[in-house]
C-alpha atoms as a PDB file:
ATOM      1  CA  MET A   1      31.544 -41.941  -6.090  1.00  0.00           C
ATOM      2  CA  LYS A   2      28.644 -41.736  -8.727  1.00  0.00           C
ATOM      3  CA  ILE A   3      27.441 -38.020  -8.996  1.00  0.00           C
ATOM      4  CA  LEU A   4      23.632 -37.743 -10.743  1.00  0.00           C
ATOM      5  CA  VAL A   5      23.375 -34.382 -12.542  1.00  0.00           C
ATOM      6  CA  TYR A   6      19.874 -33.466 -13.555  1.00  0.00           C
ATOM      7  CA  LEU A   7      20.165 -29.533 -14.153  1.00  0.00           C
ATOM      8  CA  THR A   8      17.966 -28.505 -16.951  1.00  0.00           C
ATOM      9  CA  HIS A   9      16.009 -25.131 -17.481  1.00  0.00           C
ATOM     10  CA  PRO A  10      13.520 -24.683 -20.195  1.00  0.00           C
ATOM     11  CA  HIS A  11      13.925 -20.921 -20.775  1.00  0.00           C
ATOM     12  CA  VAL A  12      17.172 -19.692 -19.567  1.00  0.00           C
ATOM     13  CA  GLU A  13      20.195 -21.160 -21.244  1.00  0.00           C
ATOM     14  CA  ALA A  14      22.868 -20.353 -18.834  1.00  0.00           C
ATOM     15  CA  TRP A  15      20.577 -22.466 -15.938  1.00  0.00           C
ATOM     16  CA  ASN A  16      21.383 -25.570 -17.837  1.00  0.00           C
ATOM     17  CA  PHE A  17      24.001 -28.193 -17.077  1.00  0.00           C
ATOM     18  CA  HIS A  18      26.795 -28.595 -20.406  1.00  0.00           C
ATOM     19  CA  ASP A  19      30.055 -31.122 -21.191  1.00  0.00           C
ATOM     20  CA  ARG A  20      32.205 -28.331 -20.040  1.00  0.00           C
ATOM     21  CA  HIS A  21      30.727 -28.639 -16.535  1.00  0.00           C
ATOM     22  CA  LYS A  22      30.757 -32.470 -16.471  1.00  0.00           C
ATOM     23  CA  GLU A  23      34.730 -32.517 -17.618  1.00  0.00           C
ATOM     24  CA  GLN A  24      35.357 -29.700 -15.105  1.00  0.00           C
ATOM     25  CA  ILE A  25      33.953 -32.084 -12.348  1.00  0.00           C
ATOM     26  CA  SER A  26      35.713 -35.016 -13.752  1.00  0.00           C
ATOM     27  CA  ARG A  27      39.028 -33.608 -14.370  1.00  0.00           C
ATOM     28  CA  HIS A  28      39.050 -32.212 -10.466  1.00  0.00           C
ATOM     29  CA  LEU A  29      37.587 -35.323  -8.499  1.00  0.00           C
ATOM     30  CA  GLU A  30      39.276 -38.791  -8.984  1.00  0.00           C
ATOM     31  CA  LYS A  31      37.353 -41.617  -8.911  1.00  0.00           C
ATOM     32  CA  VAL A  32      33.902 -39.979  -9.820  1.00  0.00           C
ATOM     33  CA  SER A  33      31.225 -41.043 -11.972  1.00  0.00           C
ATOM     34  CA  VAL A  34      29.383 -37.965 -13.719  1.00  0.00           C
ATOM     35  CA  VAL A  35      25.999 -39.305 -15.355  1.00  0.00           C
ATOM     36  CA  VAL A  36      23.989 -36.789 -16.424  1.00  0.00           C
ATOM     37  CA  CYS A  37      20.138 -36.953 -17.039  1.00  0.00           C
ATOM     38  CA  ARG A  38      18.229 -35.070 -19.601  1.00  0.00           C
ATOM     39  CA  ASN A  39      14.952 -35.528 -18.102  1.00  0.00           C
ATOM     40  CA  SER A  40      13.294 -36.854 -14.751  1.00  0.00           C
ATOM     41  CA  LYS A  41      12.473 -40.272 -16.462  1.00  0.00           C
ATOM     42  CA  GLU A  42      16.233 -40.889 -16.680  1.00  0.00           C
ATOM     43  CA  PHE A  43      17.159 -39.397 -13.026  1.00  0.00           C
ATOM     44  CA  LEU A  44      14.874 -41.418 -11.543  1.00  0.00           C
ATOM     45  CA  ALA A  45      15.961 -44.598 -13.158  1.00  0.00           C
ATOM     46  CA  SER A  46      19.413 -43.550 -12.150  1.00  0.00           C
ATOM     47  CA  LEU A  47      18.761 -42.158  -8.278  1.00  0.00           C
ATOM     48  CA  PRO A  48      19.168 -45.865  -6.668  1.00  0.00           C
ATOM     49  CA  SER A  49      22.755 -46.222  -7.370  1.00  0.00           C
ATOM     50  CA  ALA A  50      23.412 -42.390  -7.059  1.00  0.00           C
ATOM     51  CA  GLU A  51      25.843 -41.128  -3.840  1.00  0.00           C
ATOM     52  CA  GLY A  52      25.156 -37.821  -4.694  1.00  0.00           C
ATOM     53  CA  VAL A  53      23.300 -35.373  -6.661  1.00  0.00           C
ATOM     54  CA  ILE A  54      23.363 -32.466  -8.261  1.00  0.00           C
ATOM     55  CA  VAL A  55      19.773 -31.055  -9.006  1.00  0.00           C
ATOM     56  CA  TRP A  56      17.461 -27.995  -8.963  1.00  0.00           C
ATOM     57  CA  TYR A  57      14.688 -29.635  -7.094  1.00  0.00           C
ATOM     58  CA  PHE A  58      14.052 -32.952  -4.755  1.00  0.00           C
ATOM     59  CA  LYS A  59      11.221 -34.291  -3.415  1.00  0.00           C
ATOM     60  CA  PRO A  60      11.200 -36.119   0.050  1.00  0.00           C
ATOM     61  CA  GLU A  61       9.612 -39.328  -1.511  1.00  0.00           C
ATOM     62  CA  TRP A  62      12.773 -39.697  -3.709  1.00  0.00           C
ATOM     63  CA  GLU A  63      14.904 -40.701  -0.661  1.00  0.00           C
ATOM     64  CA  GLU A  64      12.813 -44.025  -0.473  1.00  0.00           C
ATOM     65  CA  ILE A  65      14.793 -45.091  -3.718  1.00  0.00           C
ATOM     66  CA  SER A  66      18.051 -43.688  -2.736  1.00  0.00           C
ATOM     67  CA  PRO A  67      19.955 -46.241  -0.536  1.00  0.00           C
ATOM     68  CA  HIS A  68      23.192 -44.813  -1.274  1.00  0.00           C
ATOM     69  CA  LEU A  69      22.531 -41.106  -1.495  1.00  0.00           C
ATOM     70  CA  LYS A  70      24.724 -39.315   0.913  1.00  0.00           C
ATOM     71  CA  TRP A  71      24.596 -35.251  -0.331  1.00  0.00           C
ATOM     72  CA  ILE A  72      22.407 -33.118  -2.666  1.00  0.00           C
ATOM     73  CA  ALA A  73      23.998 -30.616  -4.028  1.00  0.00           C
ATOM     74  CA  THR A  74      22.013 -27.193  -5.849  1.00  0.00           C
ATOM     75  CA  PRO A  75      22.667 -23.759  -7.504  1.00  0.00           C
ATOM     76  CA  ALA A  76      19.770 -22.458  -6.231  1.00  0.00           C
ATOM     77  CA  ALA A  77      20.181 -20.227  -2.987  1.00  0.00           C
ATOM     78  CA  GLY A  78      16.779 -20.766  -1.749  1.00  0.00           C
ATOM     79  CA  LYS A  79      15.938 -23.359   0.023  1.00  0.00           C
ATOM     80  CA  ASP A  80      12.090 -23.539  -1.528  1.00  0.00           C
ATOM     81  CA  TRP A  81      12.282 -26.395  -3.868  1.00  0.00           C
ATOM     82  CA  ILE A  82      14.708 -29.267  -1.691  1.00  0.00           C
ATOM     83  CA  GLU A  83      13.063 -31.026   0.329  1.00  0.00           C
ATOM     84  CA  VAL A  84      14.078 -34.000   2.570  1.00  0.00           C
ATOM     85  CA  GLU A  85      12.572 -35.973   5.002  1.00  0.00           C
ATOM     86  CA  PRO A  86      12.386 -34.803   8.921  1.00  0.00           C
ATOM     87  CA  GLY A  87      15.445 -36.200  10.477  1.00  0.00           C
ATOM     88  CA  SER A  88      17.355 -37.220   7.302  1.00  0.00           C
ATOM     89  CA  ASN A  89      21.108 -37.546   7.370  1.00  0.00           C
ATOM     90  CA  LEU A  90      21.735 -36.017   4.228  1.00  0.00           C
ATOM     91  CA  THR A  91      23.560 -33.584   3.577  1.00  0.00           C
ATOM     92  CA  VAL A  92      22.463 -30.552   1.197  1.00  0.00           C
ATOM     93  CA  LEU A  93      24.519 -28.134  -0.013  1.00  0.00           C
ATOM     94  CA  PHE A  94      23.121 -24.695  -1.460  1.00  0.00           C
ATOM     95  CA  GLY A  95      24.478 -22.172  -3.738  1.00  0.00           C
ATOM     96  CA  GLY A  96      26.858 -19.302  -2.178  1.00  0.00           C
ATOM     97  CA  PHE A  97      27.698 -17.850  -5.180  1.00  0.00           C
ATOM     98  CA  HIS A  98      24.833 -15.504  -6.088  1.00  0.00           C
ATOM     99  CA  GLY A  99      25.949 -12.212  -4.214  1.00  0.00           C
ATOM    100  CA  LEU A 100      27.593 -10.479  -6.822  1.00  0.00           C
ATOM    101  CA  MET A 101      25.334 -10.771  -9.934  1.00  0.00           C
ATOM    102  CA  MET A 102      22.635  -9.532  -7.513  1.00  0.00           C
ATOM    103  CA  ALA A 103      24.572  -6.618  -6.654  1.00  0.00           C
ATOM    104  CA  GLU A 104      25.140  -6.061 -10.602  1.00  0.00           C
ATOM    105  CA  SER A 105      21.470  -6.061 -10.690  1.00  0.00           C
ATOM    106  CA  VAL A 106      20.255  -4.208  -7.656  1.00  0.00           C
ATOM    107  CA  LEU A 107      22.654  -1.382  -8.040  1.00  0.00           C
ATOM    108  CA  GLY A 108      21.728  -0.926 -12.232  1.00  0.00           C
ATOM    109  CA  ALA A 109      18.555  -0.638 -11.010  1.00  0.00           C
ATOM    110  CA  ALA A 110      19.426   2.273  -8.019  1.00  0.00           C
ATOM    111  CA  LEU A 111      21.313   4.039 -11.237  1.00  0.00           C
ATOM    112  CA  TYR A 112      18.653   3.660 -13.211  1.00  0.00           C
ATOM    113  CA  PHE A 113      16.135   5.464 -10.613  1.00  0.00           C
ATOM    114  CA  CYS A 114      18.783   7.677  -9.305  1.00  0.00           C
ATOM    115  CA  LYS A 115      20.005   9.022 -12.791  1.00  0.00           C
ATOM    116  CA  ALA A 116      16.366   9.052 -14.635  1.00  0.00           C
ATOM    117  CA  PHE A 117      17.520   6.906 -16.926  1.00  0.00           C
ATOM    118  CA  GLN A 118      13.689   5.970 -18.249  1.00  0.00           C
ATOM    119  CA  PHE A 119      12.787   9.671 -18.266  1.00  0.00           C
ATOM    120  CA  SER A 120      16.081  10.047 -20.570  1.00  0.00           C
ATOM    121  CA  HIS A 121      14.859   7.722 -22.926  1.00  0.00           C
ATOM    122  CA  ASP A 122      11.434   9.367 -22.743  1.00  0.00           C
ATOM    123  CA  LEU A 123      12.994  12.126 -23.866  1.00  0.00           C
ATOM    124  CA  GLN A 124      15.272  10.881 -26.315  1.00  0.00           C
ATOM    125  CA  LYS A 125      12.392   8.925 -28.308  1.00  0.00           C
ATOM    126  CA  LYS A 126      11.006  12.631 -28.463  1.00  0.00           C
ATOM    127  CA  LYS A 127      14.277  14.016 -29.375  1.00  0.00           C
ATOM    128  CA  LYS A 128      14.063  16.748 -26.531  1.00  0.00           C
ATOM    129  CA  TRP A 129      17.125  18.647 -25.562  1.00  0.00           C
ATOM    130  CA  ALA A 130      15.429  19.256 -21.878  1.00  0.00           C
ATOM    131  CA  ARG A 131      18.477  19.756 -19.489  1.00  0.00           C
ATOM    132  CA  VAL A 132      16.250  21.211 -16.943  1.00  0.00           C
ATOM    133  CA  LYS A 133      13.831  19.144 -16.585  1.00  0.00           C
ATOM    134  CA  LEU A 134      16.135  15.897 -16.719  1.00  0.00           C
ATOM    135  CA  SER A 135      18.551  17.567 -13.774  1.00  0.00           C
ATOM    136  CA  GLN A 136      15.524  18.628 -11.693  1.00  0.00           C
ATOM    137  CA  ARG A 137      14.925  14.484 -11.477  1.00  0.00           C
ATOM    138  CA  ILE A 138      18.534  13.195 -10.840  1.00  0.00           C
ATOM    139  CA  THR A 139      19.790  12.562  -7.635  1.00  0.00           C
ATOM    140  CA  SER A 140      23.034  10.468  -6.535  1.00  0.00           C
ATOM    141  CA  LEU A 141      24.033   7.527  -4.104  1.00  0.00           C
ATOM    142  CA  HIS A 142      26.295   9.524  -2.212  1.00  0.00           C
ATOM    143  CA  GLN A 143      25.184   9.690   1.317  1.00  0.00           C
ATOM    144  CA  LYS A 144      22.276   8.132   0.934  1.00  0.00           C
ATOM    145  CA  LYS A 145      20.677   5.582   3.296  1.00  0.00           C
ATOM    146  CA  VAL A 146      20.419   2.495   2.503  1.00  0.00           C
ATOM    147  CA  THR A 147      18.888  -0.219   4.285  1.00  0.00           C
ATOM    148  CA  ILE A 148      19.360  -4.467   3.607  1.00  0.00           C
ATOM    149  CA  LEU A 149      16.481  -6.024   5.147  1.00  0.00           C
ATOM    150  CA  GLY A 150      17.948  -9.840   5.380  1.00  0.00           C
ATOM    151  CA  PHE A 151      21.666  -9.376   5.722  1.00  0.00           C
ATOM    152  CA  GLY A 152      23.043 -12.634   5.145  1.00  0.00           C
ATOM    153  CA  ARG A 153      25.957 -13.340   2.868  1.00  0.00           C
ATOM    154  CA  ILE A 154      24.158 -12.148  -0.439  1.00  0.00           C
ATOM    155  CA  GLY A 155      23.062  -8.840   1.374  1.00  0.00           C
ATOM    156  CA  GLN A 156      26.292  -8.271   2.693  1.00  0.00           C
ATOM    157  CA  THR A 157      27.695  -8.609  -0.887  1.00  0.00           C
ATOM    158  CA  LEU A 158      25.118  -6.150  -1.841  1.00  0.00           C
ATOM    159  CA  GLY A 159      26.489  -3.777   1.088  1.00  0.00           C
ATOM    160  CA  ARG A 160      30.089  -3.991  -0.444  1.00  0.00           C
ATOM    161  CA  VAL A 161      29.509  -2.856  -3.584  1.00  0.00           C
ATOM    162  CA  PHE A 162      27.015  -0.008  -2.675  1.00  0.00           C
ATOM    163  CA  LYS A 163      29.578   1.330  -0.237  1.00  0.00           C
ATOM    164  CA  PRO A 164      32.539   2.725  -2.735  1.00  0.00           C
ATOM    165  CA  PHE A 165      29.627   4.969  -3.718  1.00  0.00           C
ATOM    166  CA  GLY A 166      29.650   7.111  -0.570  1.00  0.00           C
ATOM    167  CA  CYS A 167      26.253   5.045   1.300  1.00  0.00           C
ATOM    168  CA  TYR A 168      25.394   4.946   4.495  1.00  0.00           C
ATOM    169  CA  LEU A 169      24.496   1.143   5.332  1.00  0.00           C
ATOM    170  CA  THR A 170      22.367  -0.276   7.724  1.00  0.00           C
ATOM    171  CA  GLY A 171      21.975  -4.141   7.180  1.00  0.00           C
ATOM    172  CA  VAL A 172      19.030  -5.761   9.191  1.00  0.00           C
ATOM    173  CA  LYS A 173      19.393  -9.366  10.880  1.00  0.00           C
ATOM    174  CA  ARG A 174      17.321 -11.708  12.943  1.00  0.00           C
ATOM    175  CA  ARG A 175      20.590 -12.716  15.037  1.00  0.00           C
ATOM    176  CA  ALA A 176      23.592 -10.565  15.928  1.00  0.00           C
ATOM    177  CA  ILE A 177      26.628 -10.392  14.413  1.00  0.00           C
ATOM    178  CA  ASP A 178      29.816  -8.871  13.542  1.00  0.00           C
ATOM    179  CA  PRO A 179      29.898  -5.464  11.214  1.00  0.00           C
ATOM    180  CA  PRO A 180      32.050  -6.652   7.746  1.00  0.00           C
ATOM    181  CA  ASP A 181      35.240  -5.433   7.394  1.00  0.00           C
ATOM    182  CA  TYR A 182      34.301  -2.527   5.332  1.00  0.00           C
ATOM    183  CA  PHE A 183      31.788  -0.649   7.603  1.00  0.00           C
ATOM    184  CA  ASP A 184      32.821   2.455   9.098  1.00  0.00           C
ATOM    185  CA  ASP A 185      31.170   4.683  11.488  1.00  0.00           C
ATOM    186  CA  GLY A 186      28.205   5.639   9.791  1.00  0.00           C
ATOM    187  CA  ASP A 187      27.357   1.998   9.296  1.00  0.00           C
ATOM    188  CA  LYS A 188      25.341  -0.039  11.470  1.00  0.00           C
ATOM    189  CA  ILE A 189      23.857  -3.398  12.087  1.00  0.00           C
ATOM    190  CA  VAL A 190      20.335  -3.947  13.905  1.00  0.00           C
ATOM    191  CA  ASN A 191      17.731  -6.424  14.784  1.00  0.00           C
ATOM    192  CA  ALA A 192      14.457  -6.882  12.941  1.00  0.00           C
ATOM    193  CA  ASP A 193      12.657  -5.408  15.801  1.00  0.00           C
ATOM    194  CA  GLN A 194      14.151  -2.466  15.048  1.00  0.00           C
ATOM    195  CA  LEU A 195      12.974  -2.018  11.333  1.00  0.00           C
ATOM    196  CA  ALA A 196      10.352   0.482  12.381  1.00  0.00           C
ATOM    197  CA  GLN A 197      12.865   2.509  13.893  1.00  0.00           C
ATOM    198  CA  VAL A 198      15.416   2.769  10.540  1.00  0.00           C
ATOM    199  CA  LEU A 199      12.678   2.777   7.582  1.00  0.00           C
ATOM    200  CA  PRO A 200      12.049   6.338   8.373  1.00  0.00           C
ATOM    201  CA  GLU A 201      15.482   7.336   7.555  1.00  0.00           C
ATOM    202  CA  THR A 202      16.357   5.140   4.400  1.00  0.00           C
ATOM    203  CA  ASP A 203      16.609   6.375   1.008  1.00  0.00           C
ATOM    204  CA  HIS A 204      16.411   2.805  -0.755  1.00  0.00           C
ATOM    205  CA  LEU A 205      15.171  -0.484   0.934  1.00  0.00           C
ATOM    206  CA  ILE A 206      16.951  -3.606  -0.694  1.00  0.00           C
ATOM    207  CA  VAL A 207      14.868  -6.832   0.452  1.00  0.00           C
ATOM    208  CA  VAL A 208      16.884 -10.032   0.426  1.00  0.00           C
ATOM    209  CA  LEU A 209      14.650 -11.933   2.235  1.00  0.00           C
ATOM    210  CA  PRO A 210      14.289 -16.152   2.254  1.00  0.00           C
ATOM    211  CA  GLY A 211      10.824 -17.336   1.361  1.00  0.00           C
ATOM    212  CA  GLU A 212      10.628 -19.216   4.962  1.00  0.00           C
ATOM    213  CA  ALA A 213       7.655 -19.098   7.569  1.00  0.00           C
ATOM    214  CA  ASP A 214       8.795 -15.977   9.770  1.00  0.00           C
ATOM    215  CA  THR A 215       9.346 -13.884   6.575  1.00  0.00           C
ATOM    216  CA  GLN A 216       5.564 -13.988   5.242  1.00  0.00           C
ATOM    217  CA  GLY A 217       4.081 -10.397   5.022  1.00  0.00           C
ATOM    218  CA  LEU A 218       7.311  -8.860   7.571  1.00  0.00           C
ATOM    219  CA  LEU A 219       6.754  -5.791   5.629  1.00  0.00           C
ATOM    220  CA  THR A 220       3.296  -4.433   6.151  1.00  0.00           C
ATOM    221  CA  ARG A 221       1.059  -1.885   4.774  1.00  0.00           C
ATOM    222  CA  ASN A 222       1.920   0.543   7.622  1.00  0.00           C
ATOM    223  CA  HIS A 223       5.949  -0.375   7.029  1.00  0.00           C
ATOM    224  CA  PHE A 224       5.655   1.186   3.482  1.00  0.00           C
ATOM    225  CA  LYS A 225       3.890   4.356   5.075  1.00  0.00           C
ATOM    226  CA  GLN A 226       6.892   4.826   7.151  1.00  0.00           C
ATOM    227  CA  LEU A 227       9.569   5.476   4.172  1.00  0.00           C
ATOM    228  CA  PRO A 228      10.322   8.741   2.922  1.00  0.00           C
ATOM    229  CA  ARG A 229       8.072   9.743   0.047  1.00  0.00           C
ATOM    230  CA  HIS A 230      11.667   9.828  -2.288  1.00  0.00           C
ATOM    231  CA  CYS A 231      12.509   6.208  -1.183  1.00  0.00           C
ATOM    232  CA  VAL A 232      12.775   3.033  -3.750  1.00  0.00           C
ATOM    233  CA  VAL A 233      12.326  -0.152  -2.646  1.00  0.00           C
ATOM    234  CA  TYR A 234      14.459  -3.281  -4.463  1.00  0.00           C
ATOM    235  CA  ASN A 235      12.935  -7.024  -3.832  1.00  0.00           C
ATOM    236  CA  VAL A 236      15.358  -9.796  -4.931  1.00  0.00           C
ATOM    237  CA  GLY A 237      14.617 -12.291  -2.381  1.00  0.00           C
ATOM    238  CA  ARG A 238      11.190 -13.896  -2.293  1.00  0.00           C
ATOM    239  CA  GLY A 239       7.637 -12.545  -3.159  1.00  0.00           C
ATOM    240  CA  ASN A 240       6.421 -13.483   0.082  1.00  0.00           C
ATOM    241  CA  ALA A 241       8.105 -10.695   2.714  1.00  0.00           C
ATOM    242  CA  TYR A 242       4.752  -8.451   1.739  1.00  0.00           C
ATOM    243  CA  ARG A 243       1.469  -8.850   0.056  1.00  0.00           C
ATOM    244  CA  GLU A 244       1.163  -7.476  -3.514  1.00  0.00           C
ATOM    245  CA  ILE A 245      -1.643  -5.291  -2.665  1.00  0.00           C
ATOM    246  CA  ASP A 246       0.211  -3.186   0.069  1.00  0.00           C
ATOM    247  CA  LEU A 247       3.160  -2.588  -2.562  1.00  0.00           C
ATOM    248  CA  VAL A 248       0.444  -1.279  -5.245  1.00  0.00           C
ATOM    249  CA  HIS A 249      -0.988   0.885  -2.940  1.00  0.00           C
ATOM    250  CA  ALA A 250       2.400   2.251  -1.518  1.00  0.00           C
ATOM    251  CA  LEU A 251       3.552   3.151  -5.122  1.00  0.00           C
ATOM    252  CA  ARG A 252      -0.016   4.532  -6.386  1.00  0.00           C
ATOM    253  CA  GLU A 253      -0.458   6.868  -3.330  1.00  0.00           C
ATOM    254  CA  LYS A 254       3.205   7.802  -3.550  1.00  0.00           C
ATOM    255  CA  TYR A 255       4.258   6.382  -0.315  1.00  0.00           C
ATOM    256  CA  ILE A 256       7.405   5.793  -2.053  1.00  0.00           C
ATOM    257  CA  ALA A 257       8.983   6.539  -5.442  1.00  0.00           C
ATOM    258  CA  GLY A 258       9.589   3.711  -6.958  1.00  0.00           C
ATOM    259  CA  ALA A 259      10.277  -0.276  -6.976  1.00  0.00           C
ATOM    260  CA  TYR A 260      12.729  -2.706  -8.413  1.00  0.00           C
ATOM    261  CA  LEU A 261      10.932  -5.825  -8.891  1.00  0.00           C
ATOM    262  CA  ASP A 262      12.369  -9.348  -9.572  1.00  0.00           C
ATOM    263  CA  VAL A 263      10.425 -11.181  -7.242  1.00  0.00           C
ATOM    264  CA  PHE A 264       6.668 -11.816  -6.548  1.00  0.00           C
ATOM    265  CA  GLU A 265       3.869 -13.561  -4.522  1.00  0.00           C
ATOM    266  CA  THR A 266       2.945 -15.351  -7.964  1.00  0.00           C
ATOM    267  CA  GLU A 267       5.286 -15.927 -10.939  1.00  0.00           C
ATOM    268  CA  PRO A 268       4.815 -15.537 -13.492  1.00  0.00           C
ATOM    269  CA  LEU A 269       3.468 -12.024 -12.394  1.00  0.00           C
ATOM    270  CA  PRO A 270      -0.074 -12.265 -13.715  1.00  0.00           C
ATOM    271  CA  GLU A 271      -0.826  -9.885 -17.041  1.00  0.00           C
ATOM    272  CA  THR A 272      -3.747  -9.119 -14.548  1.00  0.00           C
ATOM    273  CA  SER A 273      -1.339  -6.993 -12.071  1.00  0.00           C
ATOM    274  CA  GLU A 274      -1.091  -3.415 -11.734  1.00  0.00           C
ATOM    275  CA  LEU A 275       2.318  -3.611 -11.388  1.00  0.00           C
ATOM    276  CA  TRP A 276       2.718  -3.889 -15.164  1.00  0.00           C
ATOM    277  CA  ALA A 277       1.483  -0.422 -16.259  1.00  0.00           C
ATOM    278  CA  MET A 278       3.216   1.677 -13.167  1.00  0.00           C
ATOM    279  CA  GLU A 279       5.778   3.922 -14.639  1.00  0.00           C
ATOM    280  CA  ASN A 280       7.822   3.978 -11.269  1.00  0.00           C
ATOM    281  CA  VAL A 281       8.209   0.221 -11.479  1.00  0.00           C
ATOM    282  CA  LEU A 282      10.850  -1.633 -12.934  1.00  0.00           C
ATOM    283  CA  ILE A 283      10.259  -5.457 -13.655  1.00  0.00           C
ATOM    284  CA  GLN A 284      12.797  -8.370 -13.758  1.00  0.00           C
ATOM    285  CA  PRO A 285      11.412 -11.984 -13.778  1.00  0.00           C
ATOM    286  CA  HIS A 286      13.118 -13.378 -10.992  1.00  0.00           C
ATOM    287  CA  LEU A 287      16.529 -13.237 -13.085  1.00  0.00           C
ATOM    288  CA  SER A 288      18.392 -11.122 -10.520  1.00  0.00           C
ATOM    289  CA  ALA A 289      21.085 -13.443 -10.480  1.00  0.00           C
ATOM    290  CA  ALA A 290      21.225 -14.505 -14.336  1.00  0.00           C
ATOM    291  CA  SER A 291      24.309 -14.710 -16.033  1.00  0.00           C
ATOM    292  CA  PRO A 292      26.067 -16.765 -18.383  1.00  0.00           C
ATOM    293  CA  HIS A 293      28.845 -17.585 -16.066  1.00  0.00           C
ATOM    294  CA  TYR A 294      25.973 -18.500 -13.262  1.00  0.00           C
ATOM    295  CA  LEU A 295      26.968 -22.605 -13.635  1.00  0.00           C
ATOM    296  CA  ASP A 296      30.497 -22.410 -14.125  1.00  0.00           C
ATOM    297  CA  LEU A 297      30.436 -20.413 -11.032  1.00  0.00           C
ATOM    298  CA  PHE A 298      28.437 -23.158  -9.150  1.00  0.00           C
ATOM    299  CA  ILE A 299      30.671 -25.688 -10.110  1.00  0.00           C
ATOM    300  CA  GLU A 300      33.946 -23.622  -9.479  1.00  0.00           C
ATOM    301  CA  GLU A 301      32.642 -23.535  -5.920  1.00  0.00           C
ATOM    302  CA  LEU A 302      31.239 -26.960  -5.688  1.00  0.00           C
ATOM    303  CA  ILE A 303      34.291 -28.730  -6.234  1.00  0.00           C
ATOM    304  CA  PRO A 304      36.671 -27.611  -3.246  1.00  0.00           C
ATOM    305  CA  ARG A 305      33.574 -28.038  -1.141  1.00  0.00           C
ATOM    306  CA  LEU A 306      33.437 -32.251  -2.248  1.00  0.00           C
ATOM    307  CA  LYS A 307      37.014 -32.439  -2.370  1.00  0.00           C
ATOM    308  CA  ASN A 308      37.528 -31.058   1.434  1.00  0.00           C
ATOM    309  CA  GLY A 309      34.866 -33.840   2.609  1.00  0.00           C
ATOM    310  CA  HIS A 310      32.383 -31.394   3.061  1.00  0.00           C
ATOM    311  CA  VAL A 311      29.755 -34.009   2.317  1.00  0.00           C
END
């Protein structure tokens, strides 16, 4: 089998395929030839003879020059960048390893807000031992109600990480599922139609929605108004879940206390965005799943899927 790899990223080193990854695949898979491409020209030139490809993105028109292609694998969890023709027989494998890395980011952001770390840092720069002022801002995750909008694989991993802090969890899912094994009597799973019922009791709202047509604008300005004023919103899904202008309005009018934002309607986030200057906003540039081990984890996940004939 010839596997063609085109995994390069101009900005994030951890998202580049290296020799150790090639060696890892070759060591575990017999009769496999791994060809690494450093640019699109090399990739397209080799594509006609490939049986499998490992890529960040794939265009529908590339199927026409891929007569032997059986499967496409991508480290990405989102389906935004892999496009195949309708009715295609190609198997597409998406990454499923992102949950713990994203949970580290969201948990870190939650503690950033709960423990008033930004205020602490501001006081530190002023050399102020302001215990009274700081103590008045510190809260806890214990017994707080965490609503996870998008309770799939990643959402459930997030819930598992938050649960030991004594949170009450609500998973919001489009289709009914059995509760995960870490749920107890204070936790629940609700249908997306019940979202408006759980928002008023939410202390932390974590959005993990994919960028699909039926998630477009799912959260409205009225939804933000239904949240308690002490609620913090986290978005590590996609930036289409709400109109950014509505989130800015909610933050400016203090309908919510703050937001950790990793994804946006437009990326990179324009310098003209009001979000940059808001003191109650923590911004990361679409890196909630970033880790030095990113592709190592992907290869570890991919190898057994290939060995077990999932393609």
